[in-house]
């Protein structure tokens, strides 16, 4: 009987891609995008506790299987999974892999760390590192065809605040069409629009370019605050731009971007430096509360 034994090994691979963090993340978080550089998954449940399973035949008819479980997912930052690999029903390795994404000059740095246990000489850490490097090269190649689109997206999605501007990013685990509807349909918008403790009564909601949205905020202290907005630009499913009329004057741009089935938003631009200085102590917090309230509405009612 052949002796059984175990080898252990760890390796780290660092790659920098000329692509946004969202693009690199999507290449691992979306089944179709991942199939462009990895074996096409037969099961793909990208969530904590979810499973990914794929298989492939060797030229001589042997069957490899990859069976993974996602242990931690921090969107756009970190993915951790454990996986086993079998050949013709015989297990030859068990591994834990951590993928970290950070911003780098001109793109995204990916750090790939694998800690593996290899059984009975059927595989070795050197082979696994070589195969992983090839896969990460394929990942980079899969990003290349969309580079021009990525440049355009980065211009729209740049999260660096401009002068007199607040920028907020939040990921929602809903398709962008559903998040957009929560902005575009008044019966949904009235449920979440405003900071904590506020409710609103809509008097007019003419959702078209040039149309007006007039409503009254009812504060937690009983005070009422009339508001008037004018829609400047509407690109269905993608973008809403409005101007708040009267004090304080500002332009709000909501951009709805599909990032592996998730959606992000918004930026708020002021014209008057004095007004900006007056509101910056409370406005960012109020905006974050607003976006959290949107999350609550989406969680409680998936828009059909």
C-alpha atoms as a PDB file:
ATOM      1  CA  UNK A   1       0.000   0.000   0.000  1.00  0.00           C
ATOM      2  CA  UNK A   2       1.393   3.382  -0.999  1.00  0.00           C
ATOM      3  CA  UNK A   3       2.253   5.600   1.947  1.00  0.00           C
ATOM      4  CA  UNK A   4       0.015   8.622   2.581  1.00  0.00           C
ATOM      5  CA  UNK A   5       1.535  12.009   3.309  1.00  0.00           C
ATOM      6  CA  UNK A   6       0.691  15.697   3.384  1.00  0.00           C
ATOM      7  CA  UNK A   7       2.589  18.799   2.225  1.00  0.00           C
ATOM      8  CA  UNK A   8       1.711  22.369   3.123  1.00  0.00           C
ATOM      9  CA  UNK A   9       2.522  25.526   1.203  1.00  0.00           C
ATOM     10  CA  UNK A  10       1.727  29.225   0.984  1.00  0.00           C
ATOM     11  CA  UNK A  11       2.291  31.651  -1.860  1.00  0.00           C
ATOM     12  CA  UNK A  12       1.458  35.289  -2.586  1.00  0.00           C
ATOM     13  CA  UNK A  13       0.937  36.813  -6.040  1.00  0.00           C
ATOM     14  CA  UNK A  14       0.613  40.559  -6.623  1.00  0.00           C
ATOM     15  CA  UNK A  15      -0.801  41.915  -9.872  1.00  0.00           C
ATOM     16  CA  UNK A  16      -1.664  45.459 -10.932  1.00  0.00           C
ATOM     17  CA  UNK A  17      -4.325  45.875 -13.607  1.00  0.00           C
ATOM     18  CA  UNK A  18      -5.002  49.080 -15.607  1.00  0.00           C
ATOM     19  CA  UNK A  19      -8.676  48.883 -14.642  1.00  0.00           C
ATOM     20  CA  UNK A  20     -10.935  50.217 -11.915  1.00  0.00           C
ATOM     21  CA  UNK A  21     -11.458  48.305  -8.710  1.00  0.00           C
ATOM     22  CA  UNK A  22     -15.091  47.805  -9.726  1.00  0.00           C
ATOM     23  CA  UNK A  23     -14.061  46.103 -12.959  1.00  0.00           C
ATOM     24  CA  UNK A  24     -11.604  43.753 -11.272  1.00  0.00           C
ATOM     25  CA  UNK A  25     -14.129  42.923  -8.546  1.00  0.00           C
ATOM     26  CA  UNK A  26     -16.863  42.269 -11.093  1.00  0.00           C
ATOM     27  CA  UNK A  27     -14.571  39.869 -12.954  1.00  0.00           C
ATOM     28  CA  UNK A  28     -14.695  37.672  -9.845  1.00  0.00           C
ATOM     29  CA  UNK A  29     -18.189  38.453  -8.576  1.00  0.00           C
ATOM     30  CA  UNK A  30     -20.203  37.956 -11.766  1.00  0.00           C
ATOM     31  CA  UNK A  31     -20.625  34.452 -13.231  1.00  0.00           C
ATOM     32  CA  UNK A  32     -20.457  35.521 -16.891  1.00  0.00           C
ATOM     33  CA  UNK A  33     -17.435  37.758 -16.287  1.00  0.00           C
ATOM     34  CA  UNK A  34     -15.626  35.016 -14.379  1.00  0.00           C
ATOM     35  CA  UNK A  35     -16.257  32.478 -17.133  1.00  0.00           C
ATOM     36  CA  UNK A  36     -14.135  34.646 -19.436  1.00  0.00           C
ATOM     37  CA  UNK A  37     -10.979  33.775 -17.482  1.00  0.00           C
ATOM     38  CA  UNK A  38     -11.845  30.821 -15.214  1.00  0.00           C
ATOM     39  CA  UNK A  39     -13.562  27.485 -15.839  1.00  0.00           C
ATOM     40  CA  UNK A  40     -17.244  28.245 -16.445  1.00  0.00           C
ATOM     41  CA  UNK A  41     -19.019  27.656 -13.115  1.00  0.00           C
ATOM     42  CA  UNK A  42     -21.807  25.124 -12.937  1.00  0.00           C
ATOM     43  CA  UNK A  43     -22.858  26.548  -9.567  1.00  0.00           C
ATOM     44  CA  UNK A  44     -22.178  30.185  -8.691  1.00  0.00           C
ATOM     45  CA  UNK A  45     -23.564  31.623  -5.445  1.00  0.00           C
ATOM     46  CA  UNK A  46     -21.526  34.753  -4.792  1.00  0.00           C
ATOM     47  CA  UNK A  47     -22.417  35.404  -1.150  1.00  0.00           C
ATOM     48  CA  UNK A  48     -21.000  34.486   2.222  1.00  0.00           C
ATOM     49  CA  UNK A  49     -21.701  30.782   2.630  1.00  0.00           C
ATOM     50  CA  UNK A  50     -22.381  30.423  -1.076  1.00  0.00           C
ATOM     51  CA  UNK A  51     -20.871  27.737  -3.262  1.00  0.00           C
ATOM     52  CA  UNK A  52     -18.949  27.831  -6.530  1.00  0.00           C
ATOM     53  CA  UNK A  53     -18.465  24.566  -8.398  1.00  0.00           C
ATOM     54  CA  UNK A  54     -16.855  23.845 -11.762  1.00  0.00           C
ATOM     55  CA  UNK A  55     -15.344  20.854 -13.521  1.00  0.00           C
ATOM     56  CA  UNK A  56     -13.209  20.138 -16.568  1.00  0.00           C
ATOM     57  CA  UNK A  57     -11.864  17.179 -18.501  1.00  0.00           C
ATOM     58  CA  UNK A  58      -8.211  16.491 -19.234  1.00  0.00           C
ATOM     59  CA  UNK A  59      -7.137  15.388 -22.737  1.00  0.00           C
ATOM     60  CA  UNK A  60      -7.032  11.756 -21.582  1.00  0.00           C
ATOM     61  CA  UNK A  61     -10.572  11.877 -20.226  1.00  0.00           C
ATOM     62  CA  UNK A  62      -9.817  12.532 -16.562  1.00  0.00           C
ATOM     63  CA  UNK A  63     -12.123  14.842 -14.587  1.00  0.00           C
ATOM     64  CA  UNK A  64     -10.980  17.721 -12.370  1.00  0.00           C
ATOM     65  CA  UNK A  65     -13.461  19.385  -9.997  1.00  0.00           C
ATOM     66  CA  UNK A  66     -13.191  22.676  -8.106  1.00  0.00           C
ATOM     67  CA  UNK A  67     -15.585  23.088  -5.172  1.00  0.00           C
ATOM     68  CA  UNK A  68     -15.413  26.337  -3.187  1.00  0.00           C
ATOM     69  CA  UNK A  69     -17.308  28.018  -0.343  1.00  0.00           C
ATOM     70  CA  UNK A  70     -17.192  31.802   0.141  1.00  0.00           C
ATOM     71  CA  UNK A  71     -16.206  32.612   3.728  1.00  0.00           C
ATOM     72  CA  UNK A  72     -16.023  36.427   3.601  1.00  0.00           C
ATOM     73  CA  UNK A  73     -16.908  39.078   1.037  1.00  0.00           C
ATOM     74  CA  UNK A  74     -16.202  42.784   1.508  1.00  0.00           C
ATOM     75  CA  UNK A  75     -17.398  44.395  -1.745  1.00  0.00           C
ATOM     76  CA  UNK A  76     -14.573  45.985  -3.754  1.00  0.00           C
ATOM     77  CA  UNK A  77     -12.034  45.112  -1.036  1.00  0.00           C
ATOM     78  CA  UNK A  78     -11.719  41.449  -0.070  1.00  0.00           C
ATOM     79  CA  UNK A  79     -12.888  37.959  -1.052  1.00  0.00           C
ATOM     80  CA  UNK A  80     -12.003  34.897   1.047  1.00  0.00           C
ATOM     81  CA  UNK A  81     -12.958  31.360   0.078  1.00  0.00           C
ATOM     82  CA  UNK A  82     -11.996  27.796   0.887  1.00  0.00           C
ATOM     83  CA  UNK A  83     -11.923  25.142  -1.796  1.00  0.00           C
ATOM     84  CA  UNK A  84     -11.148  21.498  -2.499  1.00  0.00           C
ATOM     85  CA  UNK A  85      -9.895  19.965  -5.723  1.00  0.00           C
ATOM     86  CA  UNK A  86     -10.495  16.371  -6.821  1.00  0.00           C
ATOM     87  CA  UNK A  87      -9.295  14.313  -9.763  1.00  0.00           C
ATOM     88  CA  UNK A  88     -11.492  11.386 -10.796  1.00  0.00           C
ATOM     89  CA  UNK A  89     -13.132  11.502  -7.396  1.00  0.00           C
ATOM     90  CA  UNK A  90      -9.860  11.532  -5.436  1.00  0.00           C
ATOM     91  CA  UNK A  91      -9.170  14.589  -3.300  1.00  0.00           C
ATOM     92  CA  UNK A  92      -5.710  16.037  -3.795  1.00  0.00           C
ATOM     93  CA  UNK A  93      -5.838  19.460  -2.112  1.00  0.00           C
ATOM     94  CA  UNK A  94      -7.667  21.726   0.315  1.00  0.00           C
ATOM     95  CA  UNK A  95      -6.927  25.466   0.277  1.00  0.00           C
ATOM     96  CA  UNK A  96      -7.920  28.850   1.664  1.00  0.00           C
ATOM     97  CA  UNK A  97      -7.548  31.824  -0.685  1.00  0.00           C
ATOM     98  CA  UNK A  98      -7.670  35.526   0.124  1.00  0.00           C
ATOM     99  CA  UNK A  99      -7.999  38.120  -2.644  1.00  0.00           C
ATOM    100  CA  UNK A 100      -7.454  41.763  -1.686  1.00  0.00           C
ATOM    101  CA  UNK A 101      -8.081  44.783  -3.909  1.00  0.00           C
ATOM    102  CA  UNK A 102      -6.506  48.199  -3.356  1.00  0.00           C
ATOM    103  CA  UNK A 103      -6.134  51.322  -5.457  1.00  0.00           C
ATOM    104  CA  UNK A 104      -2.875  51.710  -7.347  1.00  0.00           C
ATOM    105  CA  UNK A 105      -1.506  54.351  -9.699  1.00  0.00           C
ATOM    106  CA  UNK A 106      -3.446  53.966 -12.914  1.00  0.00           C
ATOM    107  CA  UNK A 107      -5.443  50.968 -11.777  1.00  0.00           C
ATOM    108  CA  UNK A 108      -6.019  48.291  -9.164  1.00  0.00           C
ATOM    109  CA  UNK A 109      -3.591  46.144  -7.202  1.00  0.00           C
ATOM    110  CA  UNK A 110      -4.723  42.559  -6.575  1.00  0.00           C
ATOM    111  CA  UNK A 111      -3.016  40.535  -3.852  1.00  0.00           C
ATOM    112  CA  UNK A 112      -3.692  36.801  -4.088  1.00  0.00           C
ATOM    113  CA  UNK A 113      -2.698  34.687  -1.076  1.00  0.00           C
ATOM    114  CA  UNK A 114      -3.229  30.933  -0.978  1.00  0.00           C
ATOM    115  CA  UNK A 115      -2.526  28.541   1.884  1.00  0.00           C
ATOM    116  CA  UNK A 116      -2.759  24.958   0.693  1.00  0.00           C
ATOM    117  CA  UNK A 117      -2.679  21.390   1.931  1.00  0.00           C
ATOM    118  CA  UNK A 118      -1.590  18.904  -0.753  1.00  0.00           C
ATOM    119  CA  UNK A 119      -2.127  15.173  -0.413  1.00  0.00           C
ATOM    120  CA  UNK A 120       0.093  12.243  -1.362  1.00  0.00           C
ATOM    121  CA  UNK A 121       2.219  14.051  -3.932  1.00  0.00           C
ATOM    122  CA  UNK A 122      -0.728  14.501  -6.319  1.00  0.00           C
ATOM    123  CA  UNK A 123      -0.037  18.239  -6.469  1.00  0.00           C
ATOM    124  CA  UNK A 124       2.457  20.724  -5.042  1.00  0.00           C
ATOM    125  CA  UNK A 125       2.504  24.370  -4.049  1.00  0.00           C
ATOM    126  CA  UNK A 126       4.805  25.204  -6.991  1.00  0.00           C
ATOM    127  CA  UNK A 127       2.294  23.815  -9.479  1.00  0.00           C
ATOM    128  CA  UNK A 128      -0.591  25.635  -7.828  1.00  0.00           C
ATOM    129  CA  UNK A 129       1.260  28.941  -7.859  1.00  0.00           C
ATOM    130  CA  UNK A 130       2.123  28.504 -11.544  1.00  0.00           C
ATOM    131  CA  UNK A 131      -1.512  27.752 -12.412  1.00  0.00           C
ATOM    132  CA  UNK A 132      -2.761  30.684 -10.340  1.00  0.00           C
ATOM    133  CA  UNK A 133      -0.382  33.085 -12.092  1.00  0.00           C
ATOM    134  CA  UNK A 134      -1.720  31.909 -15.467  1.00  0.00           C
ATOM    135  CA  UNK A 135      -5.299  32.428 -14.300  1.00  0.00           C
ATOM    136  CA  UNK A 136      -4.547  35.947 -13.072  1.00  0.00           C
ATOM    137  CA  UNK A 137      -2.999  36.730 -16.460  1.00  0.00           C
ATOM    138  CA  UNK A 138      -6.224  35.544 -18.093  1.00  0.00           C
ATOM    139  CA  UNK A 139      -8.189  37.723 -15.679  1.00  0.00           C
ATOM    140  CA  UNK A 140      -6.186  40.730 -16.855  1.00  0.00           C
ATOM    141  CA  UNK A 141      -6.774  39.820 -20.493  1.00  0.00           C
ATOM    142  CA  UNK A 142     -10.509  39.569 -19.847  1.00  0.00           C
ATOM    143  CA  UNK A 143     -10.530  43.185 -18.659  1.00  0.00           C
ATOM    144  CA  UNK A 144      -8.782  44.548 -21.745  1.00  0.00           C
ATOM    145  CA  UNK A 145     -11.723  44.579 -24.229  1.00  0.00           C
ATOM    146  CA  UNK A 146     -13.689  46.952 -22.020  1.00  0.00           C
ATOM    147  CA  UNK A 147     -10.852  49.413 -21.356  1.00  0.00           C
ATOM    148  CA  UNK A 148     -12.373  52.231 -23.419  1.00  0.00           C
ATOM    149  CA  UNK A 149     -15.707  51.820 -21.690  1.00  0.00           C
ATOM    150  CA  UNK A 150     -13.889  51.721 -18.368  1.00  0.00           C
ATOM    151  CA  UNK A 151     -12.309  55.111 -19.015  1.00  0.00           C
ATOM    152  CA  UNK A 152     -15.722  56.594 -19.742  1.00  0.00           C
ATOM    153  CA  UNK A 153     -17.186  54.943 -16.643  1.00  0.00           C
ATOM    154  CA  UNK A 154     -14.393  56.218 -14.440  1.00  0.00           C
ATOM    155  CA  UNK A 155     -15.109  59.783 -15.540  1.00  0.00           C
ATOM    156  CA  UNK A 156     -18.755  59.387 -14.544  1.00  0.00           C
ATOM    157  CA  UNK A 157     -18.037  57.361 -11.435  1.00  0.00           C
ATOM    158  CA  UNK A 158     -15.034  59.235 -10.023  1.00  0.00           C
ATOM    159  CA  UNK A 159     -15.579  59.402  -6.271  1.00  0.00           C
ATOM    160  CA  UNK A 160     -13.086  62.209  -5.646  1.00  0.00           C
ATOM    161  CA  UNK A 161     -15.091  65.255  -4.513  1.00  0.00           C
ATOM    162  CA  UNK A 162     -14.735  68.342  -6.647  1.00  0.00           C
ATOM    163  CA  UNK A 163     -14.761  71.886  -5.344  1.00  0.00           C
ATOM    164  CA  UNK A 164     -17.813  72.624  -3.150  1.00  0.00           C
ATOM    165  CA  UNK A 165     -19.019  69.048  -3.557  1.00  0.00           C
ATOM    166  CA  UNK A 166     -20.059  66.044  -1.456  1.00  0.00           C
ATOM    167  CA  UNK A 167     -19.743  62.575  -2.958  1.00  0.00           C
ATOM    168  CA  UNK A 168     -21.303  59.431  -1.511  1.00  0.00           C
ATOM    169  CA  UNK A 169     -20.996  55.829  -2.629  1.00  0.00           C
ATOM    170  CA  UNK A 170     -23.205  53.006  -1.440  1.00  0.00           C
ATOM    171  CA  UNK A 171     -23.606  49.503  -2.862  1.00  0.00           C
ATOM    172  CA  UNK A 172     -27.078  47.992  -2.930  1.00  0.00           C
ATOM    173  CA  UNK A 173     -27.608  44.278  -3.518  1.00  0.00           C
ATOM    174  CA  UNK A 174     -30.283  45.038  -6.100  1.00  0.00           C
ATOM    175  CA  UNK A 175     -30.154  45.554  -9.861  1.00  0.00           C
ATOM    176  CA  UNK A 176     -29.795  49.174 -10.869  1.00  0.00           C
ATOM    177  CA  UNK A 177     -33.281  49.173 -12.461  1.00  0.00           C
ATOM    178  CA  UNK A 178     -34.814  48.547  -9.034  1.00  0.00           C
ATOM    179  CA  UNK A 179     -32.730  51.228  -7.333  1.00  0.00           C
ATOM    180  CA  UNK A 180     -33.608  53.657 -10.129  1.00  0.00           C
ATOM    181  CA  UNK A 181     -37.331  52.957  -9.683  1.00  0.00           C
ATOM    182  CA  UNK A 182     -37.038  53.798  -5.994  1.00  0.00           C
ATOM    183  CA  UNK A 183     -35.975  57.291  -7.148  1.00  0.00           C
ATOM    184  CA  UNK A 184     -38.360  57.579 -10.072  1.00  0.00           C
ATOM    185  CA  UNK A 185     -41.635  56.370  -8.546  1.00  0.00           C
ATOM    186  CA  UNK A 186     -43.087  58.861  -6.033  1.00  0.00           C
ATOM    187  CA  UNK A 187     -44.868  56.191  -3.975  1.00  0.00           C
ATOM    188  CA  UNK A 188     -41.455  54.672  -3.244  1.00  0.00           C
ATOM    189  CA  UNK A 189     -39.432  57.875  -3.093  1.00  0.00           C
ATOM    190  CA  UNK A 190     -41.662  59.387  -0.409  1.00  0.00           C
ATOM    191  CA  UNK A 191     -40.928  56.396   1.863  1.00  0.00           C
ATOM    192  CA  UNK A 192     -37.206  57.092   2.128  1.00  0.00           C
ATOM    193  CA  UNK A 193     -36.369  60.604   0.943  1.00  0.00           C
ATOM    194  CA  UNK A 194     -34.880  62.704   3.721  1.00  0.00           C
ATOM    195  CA  UNK A 195     -32.711  62.221   6.830  1.00  0.00           C
ATOM    196  CA  UNK A 196     -33.746  60.225   9.882  1.00  0.00           C
ATOM    197  CA  UNK A 197     -36.896  61.433  11.606  1.00  0.00           C
ATOM    198  CA  UNK A 198     -38.263  63.300   8.572  1.00  0.00           C
ATOM    199  CA  UNK A 199     -41.353  62.497   6.524  1.00  0.00           C
ATOM    200  CA  UNK A 200     -42.585  64.255   3.401  1.00  0.00           C
ATOM    201  CA  UNK A 201     -45.743  65.189   1.526  1.00  0.00           C
ATOM    202  CA  UNK A 202     -45.397  65.472  -2.241  1.00  0.00           C
ATOM    203  CA  UNK A 203     -47.384  68.272  -3.872  1.00  0.00           C
ATOM    204  CA  UNK A 204     -46.052  67.789  -7.410  1.00  0.00           C
ATOM    205  CA  UNK A 205     -43.847  65.156  -9.044  1.00  0.00           C
ATOM    206  CA  UNK A 206     -43.428  65.767 -12.774  1.00  0.00           C
ATOM    207  CA  UNK A 207     -40.711  63.257 -13.574  1.00  0.00           C
ATOM    208  CA  UNK A 208     -39.349  64.564 -16.874  1.00  0.00           C
ATOM    209  CA  UNK A 209     -36.555  66.881 -17.916  1.00  0.00           C
ATOM    210  CA  UNK A 210     -37.712  70.372 -16.997  1.00  0.00           C
ATOM    211  CA  UNK A 211     -40.394  69.025 -14.661  1.00  0.00           C
ATOM    212  CA  UNK A 212     -40.755  70.067 -11.017  1.00  0.00           C
ATOM    213  CA  UNK A 213     -40.754  68.070  -7.821  1.00  0.00           C
ATOM    214  CA  UNK A 214     -42.356  70.062  -5.010  1.00  0.00           C
ATOM    215  CA  UNK A 215     -42.822  68.656  -1.521  1.00  0.00           C
ATOM    216  CA  UNK A 216     -42.833  69.555   2.169  1.00  0.00           C
ATOM    217  CA  UNK A 217     -40.550  67.997   4.735  1.00  0.00           C
ATOM    218  CA  UNK A 218     -42.090  67.394   8.159  1.00  0.00           C
ATOM    219  CA  UNK A 219     -39.328  67.521  10.755  1.00  0.00           C
ATOM    220  CA  UNK A 220     -39.236  65.504  13.989  1.00  0.00           C
ATOM    221  CA  UNK A 221     -39.780  68.739  15.937  1.00  0.00           C
ATOM    222  CA  UNK A 222     -42.995  69.475  14.042  1.00  0.00           C
ATOM    223  CA  UNK A 223     -41.474  72.140  11.786  1.00  0.00           C
ATOM    224  CA  UNK A 224     -42.249  72.124   8.060  1.00  0.00           C
ATOM    225  CA  UNK A 225     -39.752  72.785   5.282  1.00  0.00           C
ATOM    226  CA  UNK A 226     -41.052  73.457   1.738  1.00  0.00           C
ATOM    227  CA  UNK A 227     -38.739  72.140  -0.992  1.00  0.00           C
ATOM    228  CA  UNK A 228     -38.661  72.619  -4.745  1.00  0.00           C
ATOM    229  CA  UNK A 229     -36.503  70.695  -7.239  1.00  0.00           C
ATOM    230  CA  UNK A 230     -36.307  70.844 -11.012  1.00  0.00           C
ATOM    231  CA  UNK A 231     -35.246  67.822 -13.060  1.00  0.00           C
ATOM    232  CA  UNK A 232     -32.377  68.828 -15.350  1.00  0.00           C
ATOM    233  CA  UNK A 233     -31.416  65.494 -16.866  1.00  0.00           C
ATOM    234  CA  UNK A 234     -33.001  62.033 -16.835  1.00  0.00           C
ATOM    235  CA  UNK A 235     -31.356  59.040 -18.484  1.00  0.00           C
ATOM    236  CA  UNK A 236     -33.708  56.153 -17.670  1.00  0.00           C
ATOM    237  CA  UNK A 237     -32.091  53.507 -15.519  1.00  0.00           C
ATOM    238  CA  UNK A 238     -28.750  55.298 -15.449  1.00  0.00           C
ATOM    239  CA  UNK A 239     -28.759  58.903 -14.289  1.00  0.00           C
ATOM    240  CA  UNK A 240     -30.906  61.607 -12.649  1.00  0.00           C
ATOM    241  CA  UNK A 241     -29.765  65.225 -12.283  1.00  0.00           C
ATOM    242  CA  UNK A 242     -31.850  67.759 -10.393  1.00  0.00           C
ATOM    243  CA  UNK A 243     -31.417  71.288  -9.073  1.00  0.00           C
ATOM    244  CA  UNK A 244     -32.701  72.307  -5.679  1.00  0.00           C
ATOM    245  CA  UNK A 245     -34.392  75.700  -6.027  1.00  0.00           C
ATOM    246  CA  UNK A 246     -34.075  78.197  -3.174  1.00  0.00           C
ATOM    247  CA  UNK A 247     -31.855  77.999  -0.120  1.00  0.00           C
ATOM    248  CA  UNK A 248     -29.647  76.113  -0.129  1.00  0.00           C
ATOM    249  CA  UNK A 249     -29.133  75.918  -3.880  1.00  0.00           C
ATOM    250  CA  UNK A 250     -27.350  72.796  -5.122  1.00  0.00           C
ATOM    251  CA  UNK A 251     -27.273  70.289  -7.963  1.00  0.00           C
ATOM    252  CA  UNK A 252     -27.721  66.609  -7.140  1.00  0.00           C
ATOM    253  CA  UNK A 253     -26.542  63.896  -9.539  1.00  0.00           C
ATOM    254  CA  UNK A 254     -27.519  60.273  -8.925  1.00  0.00           C
ATOM    255  CA  UNK A 255     -25.652  57.750 -11.083  1.00  0.00           C
ATOM    256  CA  UNK A 256     -26.868  54.151 -11.191  1.00  0.00           C
ATOM    257  CA  UNK A 257     -24.077  51.759 -12.133  1.00  0.00           C
ATOM    258  CA  UNK A 258     -24.341  47.986 -12.315  1.00  0.00           C
ATOM    259  CA  UNK A 259     -21.408  46.493 -10.397  1.00  0.00           C
ATOM    260  CA  UNK A 260     -21.872  42.717 -10.371  1.00  0.00           C
ATOM    261  CA  UNK A 261     -25.577  43.040  -9.625  1.00  0.00           C
ATOM    262  CA  UNK A 262     -25.053  45.902  -7.181  1.00  0.00           C
ATOM    263  CA  UNK A 263     -25.670  49.615  -7.612  1.00  0.00           C
ATOM    264  CA  UNK A 264     -24.027  52.807  -6.405  1.00  0.00           C
ATOM    265  CA  UNK A 265     -24.875  56.496  -6.175  1.00  0.00           C
ATOM    266  CA  UNK A 266     -24.500  60.087  -5.572  1.00  0.00           C
ATOM    267  CA  UNK A 267     -22.853  63.525  -5.761  1.00  0.00           C
ATOM    268  CA  UNK A 268     -24.051  66.934  -4.559  1.00  0.00           C
ATOM    269  CA  UNK A 269     -22.570  70.147  -5.973  1.00  0.00           C
ATOM    270  CA  UNK A 270     -22.975  73.642  -4.456  1.00  0.00           C
ATOM    271  CA  UNK A 271     -22.349  76.952  -6.203  1.00  0.00           C
ATOM    272  CA  UNK A 272     -21.862  79.207  -3.197  1.00  0.00           C
ATOM    273  CA  UNK A 273     -18.813  78.684  -0.984  1.00  0.00           C
ATOM    274  CA  UNK A 274     -20.472  80.396   1.964  1.00  0.00           C
ATOM    275  CA  UNK A 275     -23.484  78.087   1.777  1.00  0.00           C
ATOM    276  CA  UNK A 276     -21.215  75.061   1.373  1.00  0.00           C
ATOM    277  CA  UNK A 277     -19.326  75.992   4.557  1.00  0.00           C
ATOM    278  CA  UNK A 278     -22.626  76.387   6.404  1.00  0.00           C
ATOM    279  CA  UNK A 279     -23.999  72.958   5.452  1.00  0.00           C
ATOM    280  CA  UNK A 280     -20.881  70.779   5.476  1.00  0.00           C
ATOM    281  CA  UNK A 281     -21.184  70.107   9.215  1.00  0.00           C
ATOM    282  CA  UNK A 282     -24.476  68.242   8.762  1.00  0.00           C
ATOM    283  CA  UNK A 283     -25.196  67.651   5.065  1.00  0.00           C
ATOM    284  CA  UNK A 284     -22.899  64.617   4.521  1.00  0.00           C
ATOM    285  CA  UNK A 285     -24.420  62.802   7.500  1.00  0.00           C
ATOM    286  CA  UNK A 286     -27.934  63.625   6.279  1.00  0.00           C
ATOM    287  CA  UNK A 287     -27.075  62.265   2.828  1.00  0.00           C
ATOM    288  CA  UNK A 288     -25.740  59.019   4.302  1.00  0.00           C
ATOM    289  CA  UNK A 289     -28.897  58.646   6.375  1.00  0.00           C
ATOM    290  CA  UNK A 290     -30.919  59.195   3.221  1.00  0.00           C
ATOM    291  CA  UNK A 291     -29.070  56.429   1.394  1.00  0.00           C
ATOM    292  CA  UNK A 292     -29.451  54.106   4.387  1.00  0.00           C
ATOM    293  CA  UNK A 293     -33.207  54.738   4.323  1.00  0.00           C
ATOM    294  CA  UNK A 294     -33.226  53.791   0.639  1.00  0.00           C
ATOM    295  CA  UNK A 295     -31.519  50.522   1.617  1.00  0.00           C
ATOM    296  CA  UNK A 296     -34.266  49.863   4.177  1.00  0.00           C
ATOM    297  CA  UNK A 297     -37.007  50.391   1.588  1.00  0.00           C
ATOM    298  CA  UNK A 298     -35.263  48.100  -0.889  1.00  0.00           C
ATOM    299  CA  UNK A 299     -34.847  45.436   1.770  1.00  0.00           C
ATOM    300  CA  UNK A 300     -38.513  45.593   2.682  1.00  0.00           C
ATOM    301  CA  UNK A 301     -39.976  45.834  -0.788  1.00  0.00           C
ATOM    302  CA  UNK A 302     -38.285  44.539  -3.916  1.00  0.00           C
ATOM    303  CA  UNK A 303     -39.554  46.731  -6.731  1.00  0.00           C
ATOM    304  CA  UNK A 304     -41.334  44.806  -9.492  1.00  0.00           C
END
